[in-house]
Amino acid sequence: MSFYKPDLGANPDDPFARDVDGKLVRRSYWLDMSDRSLVLAMTAGVGHALTASEKRAHLDDIGRSHLVDQVCTQEILPPEEN
């Protein structure tokens, strides 16, 4: 899994911070959120800048993989005109 690696020098309290073993430091921050709050945090809040794969890895890690479709929306492009 490719987890998001925040700049802890700029923001030492980043909710995506992980320890040397790759474990989420502020796990309770995420586990205390309702599904609806988590979707908002990942789409319009602290997680909006993450890539889809980073969001997916994070959701899998916190046991909320059922929210992947709501958080990682796929962009549907119209067909190209010839």
Protein backbone atom coordinates (compact mmCIF):
# COMPACT_ATOMS: atom_id res chain seq x y z
CA MET A 1 0.00 0.00 0.00
CA SER A 2 1.19 3.49 -0.76
CA PHE A 3 0.17 5.66 2.15
CA TYR A 4 0.23 9.44 2.03
CA LYS A 5 3.40 10.80 3.66
CA PRO A 6 2.70 14.23 5.14
CA ASP A 7 5.36 16.86 5.81
CA LEU A 8 5.52 16.57 9.59
CA GLY A 9 7.97 19.48 9.76
CA ALA A 10 5.28 21.80 8.44
CA ASN A 11 2.39 20.14 10.29
CA PRO A 12 3.45 17.84 13.14
CA ASP A 13 -0.20 17.16 14.06
CA ASP A 14 -1.19 15.89 10.62
CA PRO A 15 -3.92 13.22 11.03
CA PHE A 16 -2.20 11.10 8.36
CA ALA A 17 1.07 10.80 10.36
CA ARG A 18 2.52 7.30 10.67
CA ASP A 19 5.19 5.91 12.95
CA VAL A 20 8.41 4.19 11.81
CA ASP A 21 6.50 0.91 11.45
CA GLY A 22 3.93 2.53 9.18
CA LYS A 23 1.14 2.47 11.77
CA LEU A 24 -1.28 5.38 11.87
CA VAL A 25 -0.40 7.57 14.88
CA ARG A 26 -3.77 9.31 15.22
CA ARG A 27 -5.91 6.26 14.53
CA SER A 28 -8.60 7.30 17.03
CA TYR A 29 -9.07 10.57 15.11
CA TRP A 30 -10.33 8.52 12.16
CA LEU A 31 -12.11 5.76 14.05
CA ASP A 32 -14.19 8.26 16.04
CA MET A 33 -15.67 9.73 12.84
CA SER A 34 -18.98 8.64 11.42
CA ASP A 35 -18.94 7.39 7.83
CA ARG A 36 -20.51 10.63 6.64
CA SER A 37 -17.90 12.78 8.42
CA LEU A 38 -15.11 10.60 7.07
CA VAL A 39 -16.35 10.98 3.49
CA LEU A 40 -16.47 14.76 3.93
CA ALA A 41 -12.98 14.83 5.48
CA MET A 42 -11.54 12.82 2.62
CA THR A 43 -13.31 14.68 -0.19
CA ALA A 44 -13.55 18.28 1.01
CA GLY A 45 -11.36 18.41 4.11
CA VAL A 46 -7.93 17.18 5.18
CA GLY A 47 -7.82 14.38 2.62
CA HIS A 48 -8.93 16.27 -0.49
CA ALA A 49 -5.39 16.56 -1.93
CA LEU A 50 -4.57 12.86 -1.63
CA THR A 51 -4.47 10.67 -4.71
CA ALA A 52 -7.15 8.04 -5.19
CA SER A 53 -4.69 5.26 -4.35
CA GLU A 54 -3.60 7.04 -1.14
CA LYS A 55 -7.25 7.50 -0.13
CA ARG A 56 -8.00 3.86 -0.89
CA ALA A 57 -5.00 2.65 1.14
CA HIS A 58 -5.99 4.87 4.07
CA LEU A 59 -9.61 3.67 4.03
CA ASP A 60 -8.49 0.04 3.87
CA ASP A 61 -6.13 0.63 6.79
CA ILE A 62 -8.82 2.07 9.06
CA GLY A 63 -11.35 -0.60 8.11
CA ARG A 64 -13.61 1.64 6.05
CA SER A 65 -13.05 0.17 2.60
CA HIS A 66 -16.83 0.21 2.07
CA LEU A 67 -16.51 4.00 1.58
CA VAL A 68 -14.05 3.82 -1.33
CA ASP A 69 -16.75 4.37 -3.97
CA GLN A 70 -17.97 7.52 -2.19
CA VAL A 71 -14.49 8.94 -1.56
CA CYS A 72 -12.69 7.93 -4.76
CA THR A 73 -15.13 9.02 -7.41
CA GLN A 74 -14.11 8.11 -10.91
CA GLU A 75 -14.14 10.83 -13.47
CA ILE A 76 -16.10 9.85 -16.57
CA LEU A 77 -14.86 11.63 -19.65
CA PRO A 78 -17.07 12.14 -22.69
CA PRO A 79 -16.01 10.31 -25.84
CA GLU A 80 -13.56 12.15 -28.06
CA GLU A 81 -14.98 13.64 -31.22
CA ASN A 82 -13.25 12.74 -34.47
